[in-house]
Amino acid sequence: VFGAGGRMGREVCLAVASQDDMELACAVDPAYAGRLLRDIV
C-alpha cells in the first residue's frame, strides 16, 4: 500500500488485513518513514 498513512491508505490497510486471502506485506509513505505501521493505523 502506497500512501499507507493517508486517510484512504489507512482504510486500505485495514481492508487488506481483514481478508483471509490477502497479506498486507508492504507499506510506503514518506511522511511516516521508519515508523511502525500499527502506530499509524
Full PDB file with SEQRES, HELIX, SHEET, SSBOND, CRYST1, ORIGX, SCALE, CONECT and MASTER records, all heavy atoms in Angstrom:
SEQRES   1 A   41  VAL PHE GLY ALA GLY GLY ARG MET GLY ARG GLU VAL CYS          
SEQRES   2 A   41  LEU ALA VAL ALA SER GLN ASP ASP MET GLU LEU ALA CYS          
SEQRES   3 A   41  ALA VAL ASP PRO ALA TYR ALA GLY ARG LEU LEU ARG ASP          
SEQRES   4 A   41  ILE VAL                                                      
HELIX    1 AA1 ARG A    7  ALA A   17  1                                  11    
HELIX    2 AA2 PRO A   30  TYR A   32  5                                   3    
HELIX    3 AA3 LEU A   37  ASP A   39  5                                   3    
CRYST1    1.000    1.000    1.000  90.00  90.00  90.00 P 1           1          
ORIGX1      1.000000  0.000000  0.000000        0.00000                         
ORIGX2      0.000000  1.000000  0.000000        0.00000                         
ORIGX3      0.000000  0.000000  1.000000        0.00000                         
SCALE1      1.000000  0.000000  0.000000        0.00000                         
SCALE2      0.000000  1.000000  0.000000        0.00000                         
SCALE3      0.000000  0.000000  1.000000        0.00000                         
ATOM      1  N   VAL A   1       0.844  -1.192   0.000  1.00  0.00           N  
ATOM      2  CA  VAL A   1       0.000   0.000   0.000  1.00  0.00           C  
ATOM      3  C   VAL A   1       0.881   1.243   0.000  1.00  0.00           C  
ATOM      4  O   VAL A   1       1.690   1.446   0.917  1.00  0.00           O  
ATOM      5  CB  VAL A   1      -0.949   0.030   1.213  1.00  0.00           C  
ATOM      6  CG1 VAL A   1      -1.785   1.316   1.204  1.00  0.00           C  
ATOM      7  CG2 VAL A   1      -1.865  -1.190   1.211  1.00  0.00           C  
ATOM      8  N   PHE A   2       0.742   2.051  -1.039  1.00  0.00           N  
ATOM      9  CA  PHE A   2       1.466   3.321  -1.142  1.00  0.00           C  
ATOM     10  C   PHE A   2       0.541   4.433  -0.642  1.00  0.00           C  
ATOM     11  O   PHE A   2      -0.610   4.511  -1.050  1.00  0.00           O  
ATOM     12  CB  PHE A   2       1.871   3.589  -2.590  1.00  0.00           C  
ATOM     13  CG  PHE A   2       2.988   2.715  -3.079  1.00  0.00           C  
ATOM     14  CD1 PHE A   2       2.742   1.407  -3.478  1.00  0.00           C  
ATOM     15  CD2 PHE A   2       4.297   3.194  -3.131  1.00  0.00           C  
ATOM     16  CE1 PHE A   2       3.765   0.591  -3.928  1.00  0.00           C  
ATOM     17  CE2 PHE A   2       5.327   2.388  -3.578  1.00  0.00           C  
ATOM     18  CZ  PHE A   2       5.066   1.082  -3.970  1.00  0.00           C  
ATOM     19  N   GLY A   3       1.067   5.277   0.238  1.00  0.00           N  
ATOM     20  CA  GLY A   3       0.232   6.273   0.881  1.00  0.00           C  
ATOM     21  C   GLY A   3      -0.479   5.663   2.079  1.00  0.00           C  
ATOM     22  O   GLY A   3      -1.599   6.045   2.430  1.00  0.00           O  
ATOM     23  N   ALA A   4       0.196   4.716   2.729  1.00  0.00           N  
ATOM     24  CA  ALA A   4      -0.420   3.929   3.801  1.00  0.00           C  
ATOM     25  C   ALA A   4      -0.872   4.763   4.986  1.00  0.00           C  
ATOM     26  O   ALA A   4      -1.779   4.373   5.720  1.00  0.00           O  
ATOM     27  CB  ALA A   4       0.561   2.851   4.274  1.00  0.00           C  
ATOM     28  N   GLY A   5      -0.249   5.926   5.193  1.00  0.00           N  
ATOM     29  CA  GLY A   5      -0.600   6.750   6.337  1.00  0.00           C  
ATOM     30  C   GLY A   5      -1.697   7.757   6.069  1.00  0.00           C  
ATOM     31  O   GLY A   5      -2.144   8.447   6.986  1.00  0.00           O  
ATOM     32  N   GLY A   6      -2.139   7.854   4.820  1.00  0.00           N  
ATOM     33  CA  GLY A   6      -3.190   8.810   4.478  1.00  0.00           C  
ATOM     34  C   GLY A   6      -4.568   8.307   4.872  1.00  0.00           C  
ATOM     35  O   GLY A   6      -4.742   7.166   5.308  1.00  0.00           O  
ATOM     36  N   ARG A   7      -5.553   9.152   4.674  1.00  0.00           N  
ATOM     37  CA  ARG A   7      -6.921   8.808   5.077  1.00  0.00           C  
ATOM     38  C   ARG A   7      -7.404   7.529   4.379  1.00  0.00           C  
ATOM     39  O   ARG A   7      -7.896   6.607   5.022  1.00  0.00           O  
ATOM     40  CB  ARG A   7      -7.844   9.981   4.750  1.00  0.00           C  
ATOM     41  CG  ARG A   7      -9.292   9.761   5.140  1.00  0.00           C  
ATOM     42  CD  ARG A   7     -10.092  11.035   4.981  1.00  0.00           C  
ATOM     43  NE  ARG A   7     -11.493  10.818   5.261  1.00  0.00           N  
ATOM     44  CZ  ARG A   7     -12.391  11.786   5.365  1.00  0.00           C  
ATOM     45  NH1 ARG A   7     -12.020  13.043   5.215  1.00  0.00           N  
ATOM     46  NH2 ARG A   7     -13.655  11.515   5.597  1.00  0.00           N  
ATOM     47  N   MET A   8      -7.286   7.484   3.062  1.00  0.00           N  
ATOM     48  CA  MET A   8      -7.711   6.294   2.323  1.00  0.00           C  
ATOM     49  C   MET A   8      -6.711   5.162   2.481  1.00  0.00           C  
ATOM     50  O   MET A   8      -7.084   3.986   2.516  1.00  0.00           O  
ATOM     51  CB  MET A   8      -7.907   6.626   0.841  1.00  0.00           C  
ATOM     52  CG  MET A   8      -9.232   7.296   0.526  1.00  0.00           C  
ATOM     53  SD  MET A   8     -10.674   6.312   1.015  1.00  0.00           S  
ATOM     54  CE  MET A   8     -10.432   4.817   0.064  1.00  0.00           C  
ATOM     55  N   GLY A   9      -5.425   5.496   2.564  1.00  0.00           N  
ATOM     56  CA  GLY A   9      -4.394   4.466   2.715  1.00  0.00           C  
ATOM     57  C   GLY A   9      -4.606   3.641   3.973  1.00  0.00           C  
ATOM     58  O   GLY A   9      -4.440   2.410   3.959  1.00  0.00           O  
ATOM     59  N   ARG A  10      -4.973   4.307   5.053  1.00  0.00           N  
ATOM     60  CA  ARG A  10      -5.237   3.586   6.303  1.00  0.00           C  
ATOM     61  C   ARG A  10      -6.415   2.635   6.150  1.00  0.00           C  
ATOM     62  O   ARG A  10      -6.389   1.501   6.654  1.00  0.00           O  
ATOM     63  CB  ARG A  10      -5.494   4.580   7.448  1.00  0.00           C  
ATOM     64  CG  ARG A  10      -4.275   5.406   7.820  1.00  0.00           C  
ATOM     65  CD  ARG A  10      -4.459   6.102   9.152  1.00  0.00           C  
ATOM     66  NE  ARG A  10      -5.571   7.041   9.164  1.00  0.00           N  
ATOM     67  CZ  ARG A  10      -5.493   8.329   8.850  1.00  0.00           C  
ATOM     68  NH1 ARG A  10      -4.325   8.839   8.490  1.00  0.00           N  
ATOM     69  NH2 ARG A  10      -6.554   9.113   8.899  1.00  0.00           N  
ATOM     70  N   GLU A  11      -7.449   3.089   5.453  1.00  0.00           N  
ATOM     71  CA  GLU A  11      -8.615   2.236   5.222  1.00  0.00           C  
ATOM     72  C   GLU A  11      -8.256   1.016   4.372  1.00  0.00           C  
ATOM     73  O   GLU A  11      -8.735  -0.093   4.613  1.00  0.00           O  
ATOM     74  CB  GLU A  11      -9.729   3.037   4.540  1.00  0.00           C  
ATOM     75  CG  GLU A  11     -10.355   4.111   5.402  1.00  0.00           C  
ATOM     76  CD  GLU A  11     -11.062   3.533   6.619  1.00  0.00           C  
ATOM     77  OE1 GLU A  11     -11.627   2.419   6.523  1.00  0.00           O  
ATOM     78  OE2 GLU A  11     -11.028   4.188   7.674  1.00  0.00           O  
ATOM     79  N   VAL A  12      -7.409   1.238   3.365  1.00  0.00           N  
ATOM     80  CA  VAL A  12      -6.991   0.126   2.508  1.00  0.00           C  
ATOM     81  C   VAL A  12      -6.185  -0.887   3.310  1.00  0.00           C  
ATOM     82  O   VAL A  12      -6.362  -2.103   3.171  1.00  0.00           O  
ATOM     83  CB  VAL A  12      -6.177   0.635   1.294  1.00  0.00           C  
ATOM     84  CG1 VAL A  12      -5.577  -0.532   0.514  1.00  0.00           C  
ATOM     85  CG2 VAL A  12      -7.063   1.469   0.379  1.00  0.00           C  
ATOM     86  N   CYS A  13      -5.296  -0.392   4.173  1.00  0.00           N  
ATOM     87  CA  CYS A  13      -4.512  -1.294   5.023  1.00  0.00           C  
ATOM     88  C   CYS A  13      -5.422  -2.172   5.870  1.00  0.00           C  
ATOM     89  O   CYS A  13      -5.222  -3.390   5.976  1.00  0.00           O  
ATOM     90  CB  CYS A  13      -3.567  -0.497   5.924  1.00  0.00           C  
ATOM     91  SG  CYS A  13      -2.161   0.256   5.073  1.00  0.00           S  
ATOM     92  N   LEU A  14      -6.435  -1.567   6.479  1.00  0.00           N  
ATOM     93  CA  LEU A  14      -7.369  -2.316   7.310  1.00  0.00           C  
ATOM     94  C   LEU A  14      -8.178  -3.303   6.466  1.00  0.00           C  
ATOM     95  O   LEU A  14      -8.423  -4.441   6.890  1.00  0.00           O  
ATOM     96  CB  LEU A  14      -8.314  -1.359   8.046  1.00  0.00           C  
ATOM     97  CG  LEU A  14      -7.676  -0.529   9.164  1.00  0.00           C  
ATOM     98  CD1 LEU A  14      -8.636   0.566   9.626  1.00  0.00           C  
ATOM     99  CD2 LEU A  14      -7.279  -1.416  10.339  1.00  0.00           C  
ATOM    100  N   ALA A  15      -8.590  -2.878   5.270  1.00  0.00           N  
ATOM    101  CA  ALA A  15      -9.380  -3.748   4.395  1.00  0.00           C  
ATOM    102  C   ALA A  15      -8.578  -4.968   3.967  1.00  0.00           C  
ATOM    103  O   ALA A  15      -9.075  -6.100   3.979  1.00  0.00           O  
ATOM    104  CB  ALA A  15      -9.856  -2.965   3.165  1.00  0.00           C  
ATOM    105  N   VAL A  16      -7.317  -4.747   3.593  1.00  0.00           N  
ATOM    106  CA  VAL A  16      -6.460  -5.855   3.165  1.00  0.00           C  
ATOM    107  C   VAL A  16      -6.199  -6.803   4.337  1.00  0.00           C  
ATOM    108  O   VAL A  16      -6.301  -8.027   4.202  1.00  0.00           O  
ATOM    109  CB  VAL A  16      -5.126  -5.326   2.595  1.00  0.00           C  
ATOM    110  CG1 VAL A  16      -4.144  -6.479   2.355  1.00  0.00           C  
ATOM    111  CG2 VAL A  16      -5.368  -4.575   1.284  1.00  0.00           C  
ATOM    112  N   ALA A  17      -5.871  -6.236   5.486  1.00  0.00           N  
ATOM    113  CA  ALA A  17      -5.537  -7.054   6.655  1.00  0.00           C  
ATOM    114  C   ALA A  17      -6.721  -7.888   7.134  1.00  0.00           C  
ATOM    115  O   ALA A  17      -6.536  -8.939   7.764  1.00  0.00           O  
ATOM    116  CB  ALA A  17      -5.039  -6.161   7.788  1.00  0.00           C  
ATOM    117  N   SER A  18      -7.940  -7.455   6.824  1.00  0.00           N  
ATOM    118  CA  SER A  18      -9.128  -8.170   7.280  1.00  0.00           C  
ATOM    119  C   SER A  18      -9.484  -9.371   6.402  1.00  0.00           C  
ATOM    120  O   SER A  18     -10.357 -10.158   6.756  1.00  0.00           O  
ATOM    121  CB  SER A  18     -10.325  -7.215   7.339  1.00  0.00           C  
ATOM    122  OG  SER A  18     -10.732  -6.849   6.029  1.00  0.00           O  
ATOM    123  N   GLN A  19      -8.808  -9.498   5.253  1.00  0.00           N  
ATOM    124  CA  GLN A  19      -9.122 -10.573   4.314  1.00  0.00           C  
ATOM    125  C   GLN A  19      -8.251 -11.805   4.574  1.00  0.00           C  
ATOM    126  O   GLN A  19      -7.030 -11.690   4.730  1.00  0.00           O  
ATOM    127  CB  GLN A  19      -8.910 -10.100   2.876  1.00  0.00           C  
ATOM    128  CG  GLN A  19      -9.755  -8.900   2.478  1.00  0.00           C  
ATOM    129  CD  GLN A  19     -11.242  -9.169   2.579  1.00  0.00           C  
ATOM    130  OE1 GLN A  19     -11.730 -10.185   2.093  1.00  0.00           O  
ATOM    131  NE2 GLN A  19     -11.960  -8.252   3.211  1.00  0.00           N  
ATOM    132  N   ASP A  20      -8.886 -12.968   4.591  1.00  0.00           N  
ATOM    133  CA  ASP A  20      -8.145 -14.206   4.833  1.00  0.00           C  
ATOM    134  C   ASP A  20      -7.198 -14.560   3.694  1.00  0.00           C  
ATOM    135  O   ASP A  20      -6.190 -15.226   3.910  1.00  0.00           O  
ATOM    136  CB  ASP A  20      -9.119 -15.376   5.045  1.00  0.00           C  
ATOM    137  CG  ASP A  20      -9.927 -15.220   6.327  1.00  0.00           C  
ATOM    138  OD1 ASP A  20      -9.426 -14.533   7.249  1.00  0.00           O  
ATOM    139  OD2 ASP A  20     -11.040 -15.764   6.390  1.00  0.00           O  
ATOM    140  N   ASP A  21      -7.533 -14.129   2.470  1.00  0.00           N  
ATOM    141  CA  ASP A  21      -6.721 -14.499   1.320  1.00  0.00           C  
ATOM    142  C   ASP A  21      -5.813 -13.369   0.840  1.00  0.00           C  
ATOM    143  O   ASP A  21      -5.341 -13.369  -0.286  1.00  0.00           O  
ATOM    144  CB  ASP A  21      -7.608 -14.986   0.165  1.00  0.00           C  
ATOM    145  CG  ASP A  21      -8.648 -13.950  -0.243  1.00  0.00           C  
ATOM    146  OD1 ASP A  21      -8.757 -12.908   0.441  1.00  0.00           O  
ATOM    147  OD2 ASP A  21      -9.358 -14.196  -1.236  1.00  0.00           O  
ATOM    148  N   MET A  22      -5.593 -12.381   1.700  1.00  0.00           N  
ATOM    149  CA  MET A  22      -4.673 -11.296   1.378  1.00  0.00           C  
ATOM    150  C   MET A  22      -3.688 -11.101   2.521  1.00  0.00           C  
ATOM    151  O   MET A  22      -4.006 -11.356   3.689  1.00  0.00           O  
ATOM    152  CB  MET A  22      -5.407  -9.980   1.139  1.00  0.00           C  
ATOM    153  CG  MET A  22      -6.308  -9.952  -0.068  1.00  0.00           C  
ATOM    154  SD  MET A  22      -7.029  -8.311  -0.293  1.00  0.00           S  
ATOM    155  CE  MET A  22      -8.246  -8.667  -1.557  1.00  0.00           C  
ATOM    156  N   GLU A  23      -2.505 -10.637   2.168  1.00  0.00           N  
ATOM    157  CA  GLU A  23      -1.483 -10.336   3.184  1.00  0.00           C  
ATOM    158  C   GLU A  23      -0.956  -8.928   2.959  1.00  0.00           C  
ATOM    159  O   GLU A  23      -0.464  -8.600   1.873  1.00  0.00           O  
ATOM    160  CB  GLU A  23      -0.329 -11.336   3.077  1.00  0.00           C  
ATOM    161  CG  GLU A  23       0.804 -11.054   4.052  1.00  0.00           C  
ATOM    162  CD  GLU A  23       2.013 -11.936   3.828  1.00  0.00           C  
ATOM    163  OE1 GLU A  23       1.899 -12.945   3.094  1.00  0.00           O  
ATOM    164  OE2 GLU A  23       3.084 -11.606   4.374  1.00  0.00           O  
ATOM    165  N   LEU A  24      -1.088  -8.093   3.959  1.00  0.00           N  
ATOM    166  CA  LEU A  24      -0.515  -6.752   3.892  1.00  0.00           C  
ATOM    167  C   LEU A  24       0.989  -6.900   4.120  1.00  0.00           C  
ATOM    168  O   LEU A  24       1.438  -7.069   5.248  1.00  0.00           O  
ATOM    169  CB  LEU A  24      -1.144  -5.856   4.956  1.00  0.00           C  
ATOM    170  CG  LEU A  24      -0.673  -4.401   5.005  1.00  0.00           C  
ATOM    171  CD1 LEU A  24      -0.890  -3.702   3.679  1.00  0.00           C  
ATOM    172  CD2 LEU A  24      -1.374  -3.652   6.131  1.00  0.00           C  
ATOM    173  N   ALA A  25       1.747  -6.853   3.041  1.00  0.00           N  
ATOM    174  CA  ALA A  25       3.158  -7.216   3.112  1.00  0.00           C  
ATOM    175  C   ALA A  25       4.111  -6.035   2.999  1.00  0.00           C  
ATOM    176  O   ALA A  25       5.315  -6.188   3.217  1.00  0.00           O  
ATOM    177  CB  ALA A  25       3.478  -8.230   2.006  1.00  0.00           C  
ATOM    178  N   CYS A  26       3.599  -4.848   2.660  1.00  0.00           N  
ATOM    179  CA  CYS A  26       4.478  -3.694   2.494  1.00  0.00           C  
ATOM    180  C   CYS A  26       3.662  -2.416   2.620  1.00  0.00           C  
ATOM    181  O   CYS A  26       2.528  -2.345   2.122  1.00  0.00           O  
ATOM    182  CB  CYS A  26       5.167  -3.759   1.128  1.00  0.00           C  
ATOM    183  SG  CYS A  26       6.279  -2.375   0.788  1.00  0.00           S  
ATOM    184  N   ALA A  27       4.221  -1.419   3.286  1.00  0.00           N  
ATOM    185  CA  ALA A  27       3.564  -0.116   3.426  1.00  0.00           C  
ATOM    186  C   ALA A  27       4.575   0.979   3.096  1.00  0.00           C  
ATOM    187  O   ALA A  27       5.718   0.937   3.557  1.00  0.00           O  
ATOM    188  CB  ALA A  27       3.026   0.069   4.845  1.00  0.00           C  
ATOM    189  N   VAL A  28       4.133   1.945   2.303  1.00  0.00           N  
ATOM    190  CA  VAL A  28       5.023   3.027   1.864  1.00  0.00           C  
ATOM    191  C   VAL A  28       4.341   4.372   2.113  1.00  0.00           C  
ATOM    192  O   VAL A  28       3.176   4.565   1.744  1.00  0.00           O  
ATOM    193  CB  VAL A  28       5.359   2.894   0.359  1.00  0.00           C  
ATOM    194  CG1 VAL A  28       6.309   4.013  -0.068  1.00  0.00           C  
ATOM    195  CG2 VAL A  28       5.954   1.529   0.049  1.00  0.00           C  
ATOM    196  N   ASP A  29       5.069   5.283   2.752  1.00  0.00           N  
ATOM    197  CA  ASP A  29       4.561   6.643   2.948  1.00  0.00           C  
ATOM    198  C   ASP A  29       5.720   7.505   3.450  1.00  0.00           C  
ATOM    199  O   ASP A  29       6.179   7.321   4.577  1.00  0.00           O  
ATOM    200  CB  ASP A  29       3.413   6.656   3.958  1.00  0.00           C  
ATOM    201  CG  ASP A  29       2.624   7.961   3.910  1.00  0.00           C  
ATOM    202  OD1 ASP A  29       3.256   9.039   3.827  1.00  0.00           O  
ATOM    203  OD2 ASP A  29       1.386   7.910   3.958  1.00  0.00           O  
ATOM    204  N   PRO A  30       6.198   8.430   2.639  1.00  0.00           N  
ATOM    205  CA  PRO A  30       7.357   9.242   3.047  1.00  0.00           C  
ATOM    206  C   PRO A  30       7.117  10.056   4.312  1.00  0.00           C  
ATOM    207  O   PRO A  30       8.057  10.367   5.043  1.00  0.00           O  
ATOM    208  CB  PRO A  30       7.596  10.154   1.834  1.00  0.00           C  
ATOM    209  CG  PRO A  30       6.344  10.101   1.038  1.00  0.00           C  
ATOM    210  CD  PRO A  30       5.744   8.763   1.280  1.00  0.00           C  
ATOM    211  N   ALA A  31       5.856  10.384   4.600  1.00  0.00           N  
ATOM    212  CA  ALA A  31       5.552  11.185   5.786  1.00  0.00           C  
ATOM    213  C   ALA A  31       5.720  10.391   7.076  1.00  0.00           C  
ATOM    214  O   ALA A  31       5.846  10.982   8.155  1.00  0.00           O  
ATOM    215  CB  ALA A  31       4.123  11.725   5.699  1.00  0.00           C  
ATOM    216  N   TYR A  32       5.736   9.063   6.974  1.00  0.00           N  
ATOM    217  CA  TYR A  32       5.824   8.213   8.161  1.00  0.00           C  
ATOM    218  C   TYR A  32       6.975   7.215   8.065  1.00  0.00           C  
ATOM    219  O   TYR A  32       6.970   6.191   8.739  1.00  0.00           O  
ATOM    220  CB  TYR A  32       4.509   7.459   8.368  1.00  0.00           C  
ATOM    221  CG  TYR A  32       3.323   8.361   8.595  1.00  0.00           C  
ATOM    222  CD1 TYR A  32       2.488   8.706   7.540  1.00  0.00           C  
ATOM    223  CD2 TYR A  32       3.058   8.881   9.854  1.00  0.00           C  
ATOM    224  CE1 TYR A  32       1.394   9.542   7.738  1.00  0.00           C  
ATOM    225  CE2 TYR A  32       1.971   9.718  10.068  1.00  0.00           C  
ATOM    226  CZ  TYR A  32       1.138  10.052   9.002  1.00  0.00           C  
ATOM    227  OH  TYR A  32       0.068  10.875   9.204  1.00  0.00           O  
ATOM    228  N   ALA A  33       7.953   7.492   7.231  1.00  0.00           N  
ATOM    229  CA  ALA A  33       9.063   6.564   7.007  1.00  0.00           C  
ATOM    230  C   ALA A  33       9.755   6.180   8.303  1.00  0.00           C  
ATOM    231  O   ALA A  33      10.046   7.034   9.157  1.00  0.00           O  
ATOM    232  CB  ALA A  33      10.086   7.196   6.054  1.00  0.00           C  
ATOM    233  N   GLY A  34       9.971   4.890   8.468  1.00  0.00           N  
ATOM    234  CA  GLY A  34      10.673   4.390   9.638  1.00  0.00           C  
ATOM    235  C   GLY A  34       9.783   4.082  10.828  1.00  0.00           C  
ATOM    236  O   GLY A  34      10.243   3.485  11.808  1.00  0.00           O  
ATOM    237  N   ARG A  35       8.523   4.450  10.765  1.00  0.00           N  
ATOM    238  CA  ARG A  35       7.624   4.198  11.886  1.00  0.00           C  
ATOM    239  C   ARG A  35       6.898   2.861  11.723  1.00  0.00           C  
ATOM    240  O   ARG A  35       6.718   2.366  10.607  1.00  0.00           O  
ATOM    241  CB  ARG A  35       6.590   5.326  12.002  1.00  0.00           C  
ATOM    242  CG  ARG A  35       7.197   6.651  12.432  1.00  0.00           C  
ATOM    243  CD  ARG A  35       6.137   7.708  12.630  1.00  0.00           C  
ATOM    244  NE  ARG A  35       5.133   7.311  13.606  1.00  0.00           N  
ATOM    245  CZ  ARG A  35       4.071   8.055  13.912  1.00  0.00           C  
ATOM    246  NH1 ARG A  35       3.893   9.228  13.312  1.00  0.00           N  
ATOM    247  NH2 ARG A  35       3.201   7.634  14.809  1.00  0.00           N  
ATOM    248  N   LEU A  36       6.468   2.292  12.824  1.00  0.00           N  
ATOM    249  CA  LEU A  36       5.671   1.069  12.771  1.00  0.00           C  
ATOM    250  C   LEU A  36       4.284   1.411  12.233  1.00  0.00           C  
ATOM    251  O   LEU A  36       3.647   2.381  12.666  1.00  0.00           O  
ATOM    252  CB  LEU A  36       5.540   0.451  14.159  1.00  0.00           C  
ATOM    253  CG  LEU A  36       6.795  -0.239  14.721  1.00  0.00           C  
ATOM    254  CD1 LEU A  36       6.592  -0.562  16.197  1.00  0.00           C  
ATOM    255  CD2 LEU A  36       7.102  -1.510  13.922  1.00  0.00           C  
ATOM    256  N   LEU A  37       3.820   0.601  11.285  1.00  0.00           N  
ATOM    257  CA  LEU A  37       2.523   0.875  10.665  1.00  0.00           C  
ATOM    258  C   LEU A  37       1.389   0.809  11.687  1.00  0.00           C  
ATOM    259  O   LEU A  37       0.427   1.570  11.601  1.00  0.00           O  
ATOM    260  CB  LEU A  37       2.267  -0.130   9.529  1.00  0.00           C  
ATOM    261  CG  LEU A  37       0.995   0.085   8.710  1.00  0.00           C  
ATOM    262  CD1 LEU A  37       1.005   1.445   8.023  1.00  0.00           C  
ATOM    263  CD2 LEU A  37       0.830  -1.029   7.678  1.00  0.00           C  
ATOM    264  N   ARG A  38       1.517  -0.067  12.672  1.00  0.00           N  
ATOM    265  CA  ARG A  38       0.447  -0.201  13.675  1.00  0.00           C  
ATOM    266  C   ARG A  38       0.284   1.061  14.524  1.00  0.00           C  
ATOM    267  O   ARG A  38      -0.780   1.285  15.116  1.00  0.00           O  
ATOM    268  CB  ARG A  38       0.697  -1.425  14.556  1.00  0.00           C  
ATOM    269  CG  ARG A  38       1.938  -1.352  15.431  1.00  0.00           C  
ATOM    270  CD  ARG A  38       1.954  -2.487  16.442  1.00  0.00           C  
ATOM    271  NE  ARG A  38       3.145  -2.471  17.274  1.00  0.00           N  
ATOM    272  CZ  ARG A  38       4.200  -3.261  17.099  1.00  0.00           C  
ATOM    273  NH1 ARG A  38       4.201  -4.150  16.100  1.00  0.00           N  
ATOM    274  NH2 ARG A  38       5.245  -3.183  17.910  1.00  0.00           N  
ATOM    275  N   ASP A  39       1.332   1.881  14.597  1.00  0.00           N  
ATOM    276  CA  ASP A  39       1.229   3.131  15.354  1.00  0.00           C  
ATOM    277  C   ASP A  39       0.504   4.215  14.560  1.00  0.00           C  
ATOM    278  O   ASP A  39       0.096   5.239  15.118  1.00  0.00           O  
ATOM    279  CB  ASP A  39       2.627   3.642  15.727  1.00  0.00           C  
ATOM    280  CG  ASP A  39       3.333   2.725  16.721  1.00  0.00           C  
ATOM    281  OD1 ASP A  39       2.627   1.952  17.405  1.00  0.00           O  
ATOM    282  OD2 ASP A  39       4.574   2.774  16.793  1.00  0.00           O  
ATOM    283  N   ILE A  40       0.360   3.984  13.260  1.00  0.00           N  
ATOM    284  CA  ILE A  40      -0.270   4.961  12.374  1.00  0.00           C  
ATOM    285  C   ILE A  40      -1.715   4.583  12.067  1.00  0.00           C  
ATOM    286  O   ILE A  40      -2.575   5.447  11.902  1.00  0.00           O  
ATOM    287  CB  ILE A  40       0.520   5.057  11.037  1.00  0.00           C  
ATOM    288  CG1 ILE A  40       1.962   5.462  11.321  1.00  0.00           C  
ATOM    289  CG2 ILE A  40      -0.136   6.035  10.067  1.00  0.00           C  
ATOM    290  CD1 ILE A  40       2.884   5.218  10.148  1.00  0.00           C  
ATOM    291  N   VAL A  41      -1.955   3.281  11.998  1.00  0.00           N  
ATOM    292  CA  VAL A  41      -3.290   2.770  11.646  1.00  0.00           C  
ATOM    293  C   VAL A  41      -3.905   2.109  12.879  1.00  0.00           C  
ATOM    294  O   VAL A  41      -3.573   0.959  13.191  1.00  0.00           O  
ATOM    295  CB  VAL A  41      -3.213   1.766  10.477  1.00  0.00           C  
ATOM    296  CG1 VAL A  41      -4.622   1.354  10.061  1.00  0.00           C  
ATOM    297  CG2 VAL A  41      -2.449   2.354   9.303  1.00  0.00           C  
TER     298      VAL A  41                                                      
MASTER        0    0    0    3    0    0    0    6  297    1    0    4          
END                                                                             
